[in-house]
């Protein structure tokens, strides 16, 4: 749709390239340990290179003109075009475009990681607005708005430091034997706060610019010191990151160098905070325990929605590799039901949970305090639950169509062994139209994705990333309108239905939904293939 003549064209934030991002990391000196070694330079560290590559790809992706409709977004409050991964949703369509962008990013990288910043920024927009509305103030909104502008204009990457070390899971933060099991405020003064504690599972921590520190659970009044949300540079004095390598760079593997995870991967870090000073302008709240559940819930819902797009992108890799293996093996799924059925099952799983993400976008709701848009929680949680539990089926189906060759191949040194290479090339070729080396290449690619350390890693992060399956089931039950279904059946049974607010099974009710602009509104937005402009534009 064309903008009205009197609308001021939006300004544009400067978008870094992948090389700009790499160079920007040289301006930070975080204290990072990997495999027991102190890292001198994150950007030059081979063990972290696949993670840096994945982040760099997100920057180059956003600069591609044909991808602008999904990779970029206009922040209405600033009338400024920014990276989609740093945008606070102004409409339901933003969620759908974000979902598409994350899927596209993860088709290339497996896990693009940067989308966590989008999820956290949207959660922060909601909680800061809610705190201000509860207090009748504007302070928290203003701090967040200033920080959002800083992040968008600098095109930063943010690590989300949410999951605490937690200690004894049966005890609340203030009950822990070691207070540092949760990040907490140890000192307040006129300039800011001082925090200590530990955050676990910080995605991409070593190669981020800043960390957003957020509480990981509901809090009570005794936990007020643990209810803290703030932003810090990754190299702030007192911060130590203890990280694992990203992907499988440089490994000497029995079946050769990892074809995918040598290039792209993800590091995670335990982040230790030892009396880290945070100025008040970077503190979004401290001590507001009664609002911690808002941020925890909002972030989790946004993140589960994003995970749907991420794992759909990974599923696309399995579908493509599975089809290539069928072809290389000399078999046609069109003619072989034994291959067609598992391929369709794999497609059904991937597009099934992705459809939940689409529904969560379409049925998004406007937050009453911030005005930003939130994915519909039932569909977001169902989609994430489906992918969390069916990632193992995705691997199984990929194995079924590929055959056992993916884990039975000789190592790549034999490809160049004069005593064996010719014989192997002859006997291990299947489809005469697919050279031996191409068949072996896709087999090793499939092994890397599904039958390796990296494959196991994808399974675990799919299961637990964004919360456990139990947490998703709790949210589905808490938000699903069971009450409407109960009252429907009671009406059909001709009972005298009177809504009883004290009746447990009828607490949640939903009368149905319709587009607020009407389904036949001229010029109604619709999804079109990237690069295709609508009639009249």
Protein backbone atom coordinates (compact mmCIF):
# COMPACT_ATOMS: atom_id res chain seq x y z
CA UNK A 1 0.00 0.00 0.00
CA UNK A 2 1.25 3.50 -0.79
CA UNK A 3 1.83 5.92 2.07
CA UNK A 4 -0.39 9.03 2.25
CA UNK A 5 1.19 12.14 0.70
CA UNK A 6 1.40 13.90 4.08
CA UNK A 7 3.21 11.03 5.81
CA UNK A 8 6.83 11.79 6.67
CA UNK A 9 9.09 9.08 5.22
CA UNK A 10 10.78 7.11 8.00
CA UNK A 11 14.43 7.66 8.79
CA UNK A 12 16.73 4.63 8.64
CA UNK A 13 19.08 3.28 11.26
CA UNK A 14 22.53 2.39 9.98
CA UNK A 15 22.66 -1.33 9.33
CA UNK A 16 25.97 -3.05 9.90
CA UNK A 17 27.30 -5.64 7.48
CA UNK A 18 28.60 -8.97 8.69
CA UNK A 19 32.16 -7.64 8.41
CA UNK A 20 31.14 -4.49 10.32
CA UNK A 21 29.80 -6.72 13.07
CA UNK A 22 33.03 -8.71 13.23
CA UNK A 23 35.07 -5.53 13.39
CA UNK A 24 32.80 -4.10 16.11
CA UNK A 25 33.66 -7.02 18.38
CA UNK A 26 37.24 -5.74 18.48
CA UNK A 27 35.94 -2.78 20.46
CA UNK A 28 34.97 -5.12 23.31
CA UNK A 29 37.25 -7.04 25.62
CA UNK A 30 35.07 -9.54 27.49
CA UNK A 31 36.65 -11.99 29.91
CA UNK A 32 35.82 -15.31 28.22
CA UNK A 33 37.01 -18.83 28.95
CA UNK A 34 36.54 -21.68 26.44
CA UNK A 35 37.76 -25.21 27.18
CA UNK A 36 39.75 -23.93 30.16
CA UNK A 37 41.53 -21.23 28.12
CA UNK A 38 41.28 -17.47 28.46
CA UNK A 39 40.29 -16.14 25.03
CA UNK A 40 42.46 -13.26 23.81
CA UNK A 41 40.10 -12.10 21.04
CA UNK A 42 36.57 -13.39 20.56
CA UNK A 43 36.44 -12.51 16.86
CA UNK A 44 39.72 -14.34 16.19
CA UNK A 45 39.00 -17.41 18.34
CA UNK A 46 38.53 -20.54 16.15
CA UNK A 47 36.37 -22.24 18.78
CA UNK A 48 33.84 -19.39 18.52
CA UNK A 49 34.03 -18.79 14.76
CA UNK A 50 30.83 -20.71 13.82
CA UNK A 51 28.85 -18.59 16.27
CA UNK A 52 30.36 -15.35 15.00
CA UNK A 53 29.55 -16.52 11.45
CA UNK A 54 25.91 -17.12 12.38
CA UNK A 55 25.55 -13.64 13.86
CA UNK A 56 27.36 -12.07 10.91
CA UNK A 57 24.88 -13.72 8.56
CA UNK A 58 21.97 -11.98 10.34
CA UNK A 59 23.57 -8.62 9.56
CA UNK A 60 24.11 -9.35 5.88
CA UNK A 61 20.59 -10.81 5.64
CA UNK A 62 19.06 -7.51 6.79
CA UNK A 63 20.90 -5.57 4.07
CA UNK A 64 19.51 -7.62 1.17
CA UNK A 65 16.93 -5.40 -0.61
CA UNK A 66 14.66 -8.27 -1.61
CA UNK A 67 14.33 -9.32 2.05
CA UNK A 68 13.54 -5.85 3.41
CA UNK A 69 9.80 -6.59 3.94
CA UNK A 70 10.61 -9.26 6.52
CA UNK A 71 14.17 -8.40 7.63
CA UNK A 72 13.43 -4.75 8.45
CA UNK A 73 10.62 -2.99 10.28
CA UNK A 74 9.55 0.58 10.96
CA UNK A 75 9.39 1.41 14.66
CA UNK A 76 6.27 3.55 14.73
CA UNK A 77 7.21 5.44 17.92
CA UNK A 78 10.39 6.67 16.20
CA UNK A 79 9.29 6.52 12.56
CA UNK A 80 12.59 4.75 11.95
CA UNK A 81 13.46 1.66 9.93
CA UNK A 82 15.42 -0.82 12.05
CA UNK A 83 16.55 -4.43 12.04
CA UNK A 84 13.57 -6.76 12.56
CA UNK A 85 15.46 -8.56 15.34
CA UNK A 86 15.50 -5.31 17.38
CA UNK A 87 11.92 -4.21 16.70
CA UNK A 88 9.04 -3.93 19.16
CA UNK A 89 5.90 -5.17 17.41
CA UNK A 90 3.47 -2.44 16.38
CA UNK A 91 0.97 -4.80 14.73
CA UNK A 92 0.07 -8.46 14.37
CA UNK A 93 1.68 -8.44 10.92
CA UNK A 94 5.02 -7.68 12.55
CA UNK A 95 4.84 -11.04 14.33
CA UNK A 96 4.16 -12.85 11.07
CA UNK A 97 7.05 -11.11 9.34
CA UNK A 98 9.32 -11.85 12.29
CA UNK A 99 8.37 -15.52 12.09
CA UNK A 100 9.26 -15.60 8.39
CA UNK A 101 12.54 -13.76 9.02
CA UNK A 102 13.59 -16.17 11.76
CA UNK A 103 12.76 -19.16 9.57
CA UNK A 104 14.83 -17.72 6.73
CA UNK A 105 17.78 -17.00 9.01
CA UNK A 106 17.74 -20.48 10.50
CA UNK A 107 17.48 -22.17 7.12
CA UNK A 108 21.02 -20.93 6.59
CA UNK A 109 22.49 -21.04 10.09
CA UNK A 110 20.53 -23.73 11.94
CA UNK A 111 20.06 -21.29 14.83
CA UNK A 112 20.51 -17.58 14.19
CA UNK A 113 20.49 -16.70 17.94
CA UNK A 114 19.90 -12.98 17.44
CA UNK A 115 16.12 -13.30 17.53
CA UNK A 116 16.28 -13.65 21.33
CA UNK A 117 16.90 -9.89 21.44
CA UNK A 118 13.56 -9.27 19.74
CA UNK A 119 11.80 -11.44 22.30
CA UNK A 120 13.44 -9.75 25.29
CA UNK A 121 12.91 -6.21 24.00
CA UNK A 122 9.22 -6.91 23.47
CA UNK A 123 8.92 -8.36 26.96
CA UNK A 124 10.68 -5.30 28.40
CA UNK A 125 8.36 -2.93 26.56
CA UNK A 126 5.42 -4.63 28.24
CA UNK A 127 6.76 -4.79 31.78
CA UNK A 128 8.16 -1.25 31.91
CA UNK A 129 4.84 0.15 30.69
CA UNK A 130 2.97 -1.90 33.26
CA UNK A 131 5.17 -0.69 36.13
CA UNK A 132 4.68 2.93 35.10
CA UNK A 133 0.92 2.51 34.82
CA UNK A 134 0.84 0.94 38.28
CA UNK A 135 2.81 3.85 39.72
CA UNK A 136 1.39 6.67 37.63
CA UNK A 137 4.87 7.50 36.36
CA UNK A 138 6.78 7.58 33.05
CA UNK A 139 10.28 6.80 34.32
CA UNK A 140 10.49 3.15 33.29
CA UNK A 141 9.05 3.73 29.84
CA UNK A 142 11.55 6.53 29.26
CA UNK A 143 14.52 4.41 30.27
CA UNK A 144 13.45 1.59 28.04
CA UNK A 145 12.74 3.92 25.10
CA UNK A 146 16.21 5.45 25.40
CA UNK A 147 17.83 2.02 25.54
CA UNK A 148 15.77 0.73 22.61
CA UNK A 149 16.91 3.71 20.51
CA UNK A 150 20.53 3.01 21.47
CA UNK A 151 20.29 -0.67 20.52
CA UNK A 152 18.46 -0.01 17.24
CA UNK A 153 20.69 2.87 16.12
CA UNK A 154 23.88 0.95 16.90
CA UNK A 155 22.45 -2.28 15.41
CA UNK A 156 23.66 -4.26 18.41
CA UNK A 157 23.50 -7.94 19.25
CA UNK A 158 22.13 -8.72 22.70
CA UNK A 159 22.70 -11.78 24.87
CA UNK A 160 19.74 -12.66 27.07
CA UNK A 161 20.90 -13.44 30.60
CA UNK A 162 17.66 -14.79 32.01
CA UNK A 163 18.12 -18.37 33.25
CA UNK A 164 19.69 -18.27 36.72
CA UNK A 165 21.94 -21.01 38.06
CA UNK A 166 19.00 -21.64 40.45
CA UNK A 167 20.76 -23.86 42.99
CA UNK A 168 18.27 -26.05 44.84
CA UNK A 169 15.24 -26.00 42.53
CA UNK A 170 12.88 -26.70 45.41
CA UNK A 171 13.81 -23.43 47.12
CA UNK A 172 13.02 -19.81 46.28
CA UNK A 173 15.83 -17.34 45.55
CA UNK A 174 16.02 -15.93 49.08
CA UNK A 175 16.12 -19.47 50.52
CA UNK A 176 19.24 -20.59 48.64
CA UNK A 177 22.31 -21.59 50.62
CA UNK A 178 24.39 -19.61 48.12
CA UNK A 179 22.80 -16.27 47.21
CA UNK A 180 24.76 -16.12 43.95
CA UNK A 181 22.66 -18.98 42.55
CA UNK A 182 20.47 -16.07 41.39
CA UNK A 183 21.60 -12.66 40.18
CA UNK A 184 20.66 -10.10 42.81
CA UNK A 185 21.26 -6.53 43.93
CA UNK A 186 23.96 -6.27 46.59
CA UNK A 187 24.19 -2.50 46.76
CA UNK A 188 22.25 0.62 45.76
CA UNK A 189 23.46 4.20 45.67
CA UNK A 190 22.70 7.47 43.95
CA UNK A 191 24.54 6.43 40.79
CA UNK A 192 23.10 2.96 40.29
CA UNK A 193 23.10 -0.61 41.56
CA UNK A 194 25.69 -3.35 42.07
CA UNK A 195 24.76 -6.92 41.12
CA UNK A 196 26.27 -10.33 41.78
CA UNK A 197 25.27 -13.90 40.92
CA UNK A 198 25.23 -16.34 38.02
CA UNK A 199 23.22 -16.71 34.83
CA UNK A 200 23.33 -20.00 32.95
CA UNK A 201 22.67 -20.84 29.29
CA UNK A 202 23.29 -17.39 27.82
CA UNK A 203 22.97 -17.98 24.09
CA UNK A 204 25.88 -16.58 22.08
CA UNK A 205 27.19 -14.77 25.17
CA UNK A 206 30.86 -14.35 24.16
CA UNK A 207 30.15 -12.65 20.82
CA UNK A 208 27.32 -10.35 21.87
CA UNK A 209 27.73 -6.61 22.43
CA UNK A 210 25.59 -6.35 25.55
CA UNK A 211 23.70 -8.54 27.97
CA UNK A 212 20.11 -8.01 29.08
CA UNK A 213 19.84 -9.30 32.65
CA UNK A 214 16.30 -10.42 33.48
CA UNK A 215 14.65 -12.44 36.29
CA UNK A 216 13.82 -16.04 35.46
CA UNK A 217 10.79 -16.65 37.66
CA UNK A 218 7.96 -15.25 39.75
CA UNK A 219 9.13 -13.53 42.90
CA UNK A 220 7.73 -12.91 46.37
CA UNK A 221 8.39 -9.91 48.66
CA UNK A 222 11.32 -11.76 50.27
CA UNK A 223 12.90 -12.04 46.83
CA UNK A 224 12.90 -8.31 46.10
CA UNK A 225 16.69 -8.12 45.73
CA UNK A 226 16.53 -10.84 43.08
CA UNK A 227 13.91 -8.98 41.02
CA UNK A 228 16.34 -7.02 38.87
CA UNK A 229 16.36 -6.20 35.18
CA UNK A 230 19.15 -4.20 33.58
CA UNK A 231 21.53 -3.91 30.62
CA UNK A 232 25.33 -4.20 30.74
CA UNK A 233 28.14 -4.29 28.23
CA UNK A 234 29.52 -7.79 27.82
CA UNK A 235 32.96 -6.56 28.92
CA UNK A 236 31.81 -4.68 32.02
CA UNK A 237 34.31 -5.13 34.90
CA UNK A 238 33.28 -8.04 37.11
CA UNK A 239 31.72 -10.14 34.31
CA UNK A 240 33.21 -13.52 33.39
CA UNK A 241 31.82 -15.77 30.68
CA UNK A 242 32.59 -19.50 30.84
CA UNK A 243 31.58 -20.79 27.42
CA UNK A 244 31.52 -23.89 25.28
CA UNK A 245 32.73 -23.92 21.66
CA UNK A 246 30.29 -22.97 18.93
CA UNK A 247 29.53 -25.80 16.52
CA UNK A 248 32.34 -28.22 15.72
CA UNK A 249 35.18 -26.09 14.33
CA UNK A 250 38.39 -27.94 13.52
CA UNK A 251 37.30 -31.28 14.98
CA UNK A 252 38.94 -34.37 13.54
CA UNK A 253 35.86 -36.52 13.10
CA UNK A 254 35.69 -40.13 12.03
CA UNK A 255 33.61 -39.23 9.00
CA UNK A 256 35.42 -36.01 8.16
CA UNK A 257 35.12 -32.35 8.92
CA UNK A 258 31.58 -31.31 9.88
CA UNK A 259 30.07 -29.93 6.69
CA UNK A 260 27.53 -27.69 8.42
CA UNK A 261 28.62 -27.08 12.00
CA UNK A 262 32.19 -26.16 11.08
CA UNK A 263 30.64 -23.04 9.52
CA UNK A 264 27.66 -22.27 11.75
CA UNK A 265 27.05 -23.05 15.39
CA UNK A 266 26.09 -21.63 18.75
CA UNK A 267 28.09 -21.08 21.89
CA UNK A 268 26.37 -20.86 25.26
CA UNK A 269 27.88 -19.41 28.39
CA UNK A 270 27.54 -19.38 32.13
CA UNK A 271 27.93 -15.71 33.07
CA UNK A 272 29.34 -14.85 36.48
CA UNK A 273 28.63 -11.39 37.89
CA UNK A 274 30.97 -10.26 40.65
CA UNK A 275 29.88 -6.87 41.99
CA UNK A 276 29.05 -5.42 38.59
CA UNK A 277 28.04 -1.76 38.64
CA UNK A 278 25.00 -0.72 36.58
CA UNK A 279 24.04 3.00 36.29
CA UNK A 280 20.40 3.84 36.90
CA UNK A 281 19.77 4.76 33.25
CA UNK A 282 20.41 1.09 32.40
CA UNK A 283 18.25 -0.32 35.21
CA UNK A 284 14.73 -1.10 34.04
CA UNK A 285 13.61 -2.19 37.48
CA UNK A 286 15.14 -3.28 40.75
CA UNK A 287 13.09 -4.60 43.64
CA UNK A 288 9.75 -4.65 41.80
CA UNK A 289 9.13 -8.29 42.63
CA UNK A 290 5.40 -8.09 41.96
CA UNK A 291 6.07 -7.44 38.26
CA UNK A 292 8.68 -10.12 37.60
CA UNK A 293 6.08 -12.61 36.44
CA UNK A 294 5.00 -10.17 33.70
CA UNK A 295 8.44 -10.13 32.12
CA UNK A 296 8.93 -13.87 32.56
CA UNK A 297 5.59 -14.64 30.92
CA UNK A 298 5.88 -12.06 28.14
CA UNK A 299 9.40 -13.06 27.17
CA UNK A 300 8.57 -16.76 27.25
CA UNK A 301 5.57 -16.29 24.96
CA UNK A 302 7.51 -14.19 22.46
CA UNK A 303 10.46 -16.59 22.57
CA UNK A 304 8.38 -19.73 22.07
CA UNK A 305 6.82 -18.07 19.06
CA UNK A 306 10.28 -17.29 17.65
CA UNK A 307 11.49 -20.83 18.35
CA UNK A 308 8.77 -22.09 16.01
CA UNK A 309 10.32 -20.15 13.12
CA UNK A 310 13.83 -21.23 14.12
CA UNK A 311 13.07 -24.93 14.21
CA UNK A 312 11.05 -24.71 10.99
CA UNK A 313 14.21 -23.39 9.34
CA UNK A 314 16.14 -26.36 10.71
CA UNK A 315 13.37 -28.65 9.50
CA UNK A 316 13.79 -27.22 6.01
CA UNK A 317 17.40 -28.42 6.08
CA UNK A 318 16.28 -31.94 6.98
CA UNK A 319 13.62 -31.98 4.26
CA UNK A 320 16.09 -30.81 1.62
CA UNK A 321 18.84 -33.19 2.72
CA UNK A 322 16.35 -36.08 2.90
CA UNK A 323 15.18 -35.47 -0.66
CA UNK A 324 18.79 -35.30 -1.87
CA UNK A 325 19.60 -38.60 -0.15
CA UNK A 326 16.62 -40.28 -1.84
CA UNK A 327 17.85 -39.04 -5.20
CA UNK A 328 21.47 -40.03 -4.53
CA UNK A 329 20.34 -43.50 -3.48
CA UNK A 330 18.61 -43.93 -6.83
CA UNK A 331 15.10 -43.92 -5.38
CA UNK A 332 12.13 -41.71 -6.26
CA UNK A 333 9.63 -40.84 -3.48
CA UNK A 334 7.00 -40.38 -6.22
CA UNK A 335 7.30 -44.06 -7.00
CA UNK A 336 8.27 -45.45 -3.59
CA UNK A 337 5.61 -45.10 -0.90
CA UNK A 338 8.14 -46.30 1.69
CA UNK A 339 10.05 -43.05 1.10
CA UNK A 340 7.16 -40.76 0.25
CA UNK A 341 5.34 -41.47 3.50
CA UNK A 342 8.21 -40.56 5.86
CA UNK A 343 9.01 -37.48 3.75
CA UNK A 344 5.39 -36.34 3.99
CA UNK A 345 5.41 -37.09 7.72
CA UNK A 346 8.50 -34.90 8.11
CA UNK A 347 6.85 -32.12 6.12
CA UNK A 348 3.67 -32.48 8.19
CA UNK A 349 5.55 -32.07 11.45
CA UNK A 350 7.49 -29.01 10.31
CA UNK A 351 4.59 -27.22 8.67
CA UNK A 352 2.24 -28.31 11.46
CA UNK A 353 4.08 -26.53 14.23
CA UNK A 354 4.88 -23.62 11.91
CA UNK A 355 1.14 -23.23 11.25
CA UNK A 356 0.70 -22.74 14.99
CA UNK A 357 3.18 -19.88 14.77
CA UNK A 358 1.20 -18.34 11.93
CA UNK A 359 -2.02 -18.67 13.96
CA UNK A 360 -0.35 -17.12 17.01
CA UNK A 361 0.62 -14.17 14.78
CA UNK A 362 -2.81 -13.74 13.19
CA UNK A 363 -4.57 -13.94 16.57
CA UNK A 364 -2.03 -11.65 18.29
CA UNK A 365 -3.34 -9.30 20.95
CA UNK A 366 -2.44 -5.70 21.73
CA UNK A 367 -0.90 -5.21 25.16
CA UNK A 368 -3.05 -2.79 27.14
CA UNK A 369 -0.07 -1.00 28.72
CA UNK A 370 2.64 -0.79 26.06
CA UNK A 371 0.47 -0.94 22.94
CA UNK A 372 2.83 -3.55 21.47
CA UNK A 373 1.58 -6.86 20.09
CA UNK A 374 1.90 -10.25 21.75
CA UNK A 375 1.55 -13.69 20.10
CA UNK A 376 -1.61 -15.55 21.04
CA UNK A 377 -0.31 -17.74 23.89
CA UNK A 378 -2.22 -20.98 23.23
CA UNK A 379 -1.04 -21.34 19.65
CA UNK A 380 2.48 -20.15 20.52
CA UNK A 381 2.80 -22.74 23.27
CA UNK A 382 1.21 -25.55 21.24
CA UNK A 383 3.62 -24.90 18.38
CA UNK A 384 6.63 -24.87 20.68
CA UNK A 385 5.42 -28.00 22.49
CA UNK A 386 4.99 -29.81 19.18
CA UNK A 387 8.50 -29.04 17.97
CA UNK A 388 10.00 -29.76 21.39
CA UNK A 389 8.60 -33.28 21.49
CA UNK A 390 8.74 -34.06 17.76
CA UNK A 391 12.34 -32.99 17.06
CA UNK A 392 13.28 -36.62 17.75
CA UNK A 393 10.74 -37.80 15.18
CA UNK A 394 12.21 -35.33 12.70
CA UNK A 395 15.63 -36.91 13.15
CA UNK A 396 14.18 -40.43 12.93
CA UNK A 397 12.34 -39.66 9.69
CA UNK A 398 15.45 -38.08 8.17
CA UNK A 399 17.36 -41.26 9.06
CA UNK A 400 14.62 -43.43 7.61
CA UNK A 401 14.77 -41.83 4.17
CA UNK A 402 18.59 -41.52 4.18
CA UNK A 403 19.59 -45.05 5.08
CA UNK A 404 22.39 -46.30 7.31
CA UNK A 405 25.14 -44.97 5.05
CA UNK A 406 25.17 -41.66 6.93
CA UNK A 407 26.87 -43.33 9.91
CA UNK A 408 28.66 -46.18 8.12
CA UNK A 409 30.83 -44.29 5.65
CA UNK A 410 34.62 -44.62 5.69
CA UNK A 411 36.45 -41.46 6.65
CA UNK A 412 37.25 -38.81 4.02
CA UNK A 413 40.93 -39.75 3.94
CA UNK A 414 39.86 -42.80 1.98
CA UNK A 415 38.55 -40.49 -0.73
CA UNK A 416 42.18 -39.70 -1.53
CA UNK A 417 43.74 -43.08 -0.77
CA UNK A 418 45.08 -44.53 -4.05
CA UNK A 419 44.58 -48.03 -2.70
CA UNK A 420 40.85 -47.61 -2.01
CA UNK A 421 39.43 -44.44 -3.60
CA UNK A 422 38.63 -45.86 -7.02
CA UNK A 423 36.95 -48.96 -5.62
CA UNK A 424 34.87 -46.98 -3.14
CA UNK A 425 33.78 -44.51 -5.82
CA UNK A 426 32.65 -47.42 -7.97
CA UNK A 427 30.82 -49.57 -5.45
CA UNK A 428 29.27 -46.75 -3.35
CA UNK A 429 27.76 -44.91 -6.27
CA UNK A 430 24.02 -45.55 -6.56
CA UNK A 431 22.17 -43.22 -8.92
CA UNK A 432 24.20 -43.03 -12.16
CA UNK A 433 23.20 -39.37 -12.47
CA UNK A 434 24.66 -38.48 -9.04
CA UNK A 435 28.45 -38.69 -8.75
CA UNK A 436 29.91 -40.63 -5.83
CA UNK A 437 31.36 -37.53 -4.18
CA UNK A 438 27.96 -35.78 -4.24
CA UNK A 439 26.24 -38.75 -2.60
CA UNK A 440 28.88 -38.94 0.11
CA UNK A 441 28.75 -35.19 0.68
CA UNK A 442 25.01 -35.11 1.41
CA UNK A 443 25.33 -38.24 3.59
CA UNK A 444 27.96 -36.52 5.73
CA UNK A 445 25.83 -33.38 5.84
CA UNK A 446 22.88 -35.39 7.16
CA UNK A 447 25.12 -37.07 9.72
CA UNK A 448 26.30 -33.69 10.97
CA UNK A 449 22.73 -32.43 11.41
CA UNK A 450 21.19 -35.52 13.01
CA UNK A 451 23.65 -38.22 14.12
CA UNK A 452 26.45 -36.24 15.74
CA UNK A 453 27.14 -34.19 18.83
CA UNK A 454 25.56 -31.29 16.94
CA UNK A 455 22.45 -33.35 16.20
CA UNK A 456 22.04 -34.17 19.88
CA UNK A 457 22.53 -30.52 20.73
CA UNK A 458 19.69 -29.50 18.40
CA UNK A 459 17.44 -32.04 20.10
CA UNK A 460 18.11 -30.76 23.61
CA UNK A 461 17.77 -27.06 22.80
CA UNK A 462 14.55 -27.83 20.94
CA UNK A 463 13.19 -29.68 23.96
CA UNK A 464 14.19 -27.21 26.67
CA UNK A 465 14.81 -23.91 24.86
CA UNK A 466 12.18 -21.39 25.95
CA UNK A 467 11.12 -23.55 28.88
CA UNK A 468 10.34 -27.17 29.54
CA UNK A 469 7.40 -29.03 27.97
CA UNK A 470 5.72 -28.94 31.38
CA UNK A 471 5.84 -25.13 31.36
CA UNK A 472 4.23 -25.02 27.92
CA UNK A 473 1.47 -27.42 28.97
CA UNK A 474 0.79 -25.24 31.99
CA UNK A 475 0.40 -22.15 29.80
CA UNK A 476 -1.84 -23.97 27.32
CA UNK A 477 -4.15 -25.10 30.11
CA UNK A 478 -4.06 -21.71 31.81
CA UNK A 479 -5.04 -19.82 28.64
CA UNK A 480 -7.22 -22.28 26.73
CA UNK A 481 -10.96 -21.40 26.83
CA UNK A 482 -12.15 -24.70 28.31
CA UNK A 483 -15.05 -22.83 29.88
CA UNK A 484 -16.49 -21.96 26.47
CA UNK A 485 -16.39 -25.64 25.47
CA UNK A 486 -18.08 -26.68 28.72
CA UNK A 487 -20.86 -24.15 28.32
CA UNK A 488 -21.32 -25.15 24.68
CA UNK A 489 -22.00 -28.77 25.67
CA UNK A 490 -24.26 -27.72 28.53
CA UNK A 491 -26.35 -25.63 26.12
CA UNK A 492 -26.66 -28.59 23.77
CA UNK A 493 -27.80 -30.70 26.73
CA UNK A 494 -30.43 -27.99 27.37
CA UNK A 495 -29.19 -27.23 30.82
CA UNK A 496 -29.93 -23.87 32.37
CA UNK A 497 -26.47 -22.37 31.84
CA UNK A 498 -25.52 -19.51 34.14
CA UNK A 499 -21.88 -18.57 34.20
CA UNK A 500 -20.46 -19.21 37.67
CA UNK A 501 -17.19 -17.30 38.19
CA UNK A 502 -16.30 -19.63 41.05
CA UNK A 503 -16.54 -22.77 38.93
CA UNK A 504 -13.03 -23.95 38.03
CA UNK A 505 -13.64 -25.52 34.64
CA UNK A 506 -15.46 -22.45 33.28
CA UNK A 507 -12.90 -19.80 34.26
CA UNK A 508 -11.50 -19.35 30.76
CA UNK A 509 -13.97 -18.37 28.06
CA UNK A 510 -13.53 -17.04 24.54
CA UNK A 511 -16.47 -16.04 22.35
CA UNK A 512 -14.61 -16.23 19.03
CA UNK A 513 -12.58 -13.82 16.97
CA UNK A 514 -12.94 -11.73 13.82
CA UNK A 515 -10.70 -9.28 11.99
CA UNK A 516 -11.36 -5.86 13.55
CA UNK A 517 -11.14 -4.18 10.13
CA UNK A 518 -13.43 -6.65 8.42
CA UNK A 519 -12.39 -9.42 6.10
CA UNK A 520 -13.27 -7.56 2.89
CA UNK A 521 -11.48 -4.28 3.62
CA UNK A 522 -9.95 -2.92 0.37
CA UNK A 523 -6.16 -3.07 0.49
CA UNK A 524 -6.11 -5.53 3.36
CA UNK A 525 -2.52 -6.72 4.00
CA UNK A 526 -1.76 -10.23 2.80
CA UNK A 527 1.28 -12.49 2.61
CA UNK A 528 2.93 -12.62 -0.82
CA UNK A 529 6.18 -14.22 -2.03
CA UNK A 530 9.25 -12.12 -1.26
CA UNK A 531 10.03 -9.80 -4.15
CA UNK A 532 6.47 -9.78 -5.49
CA UNK A 533 4.68 -6.45 -5.21
CA UNK A 534 0.93 -6.28 -4.87
CA UNK A 535 -1.33 -4.81 -7.54
CA UNK A 536 -1.36 -1.02 -7.40
CA UNK A 537 1.95 -0.63 -5.58
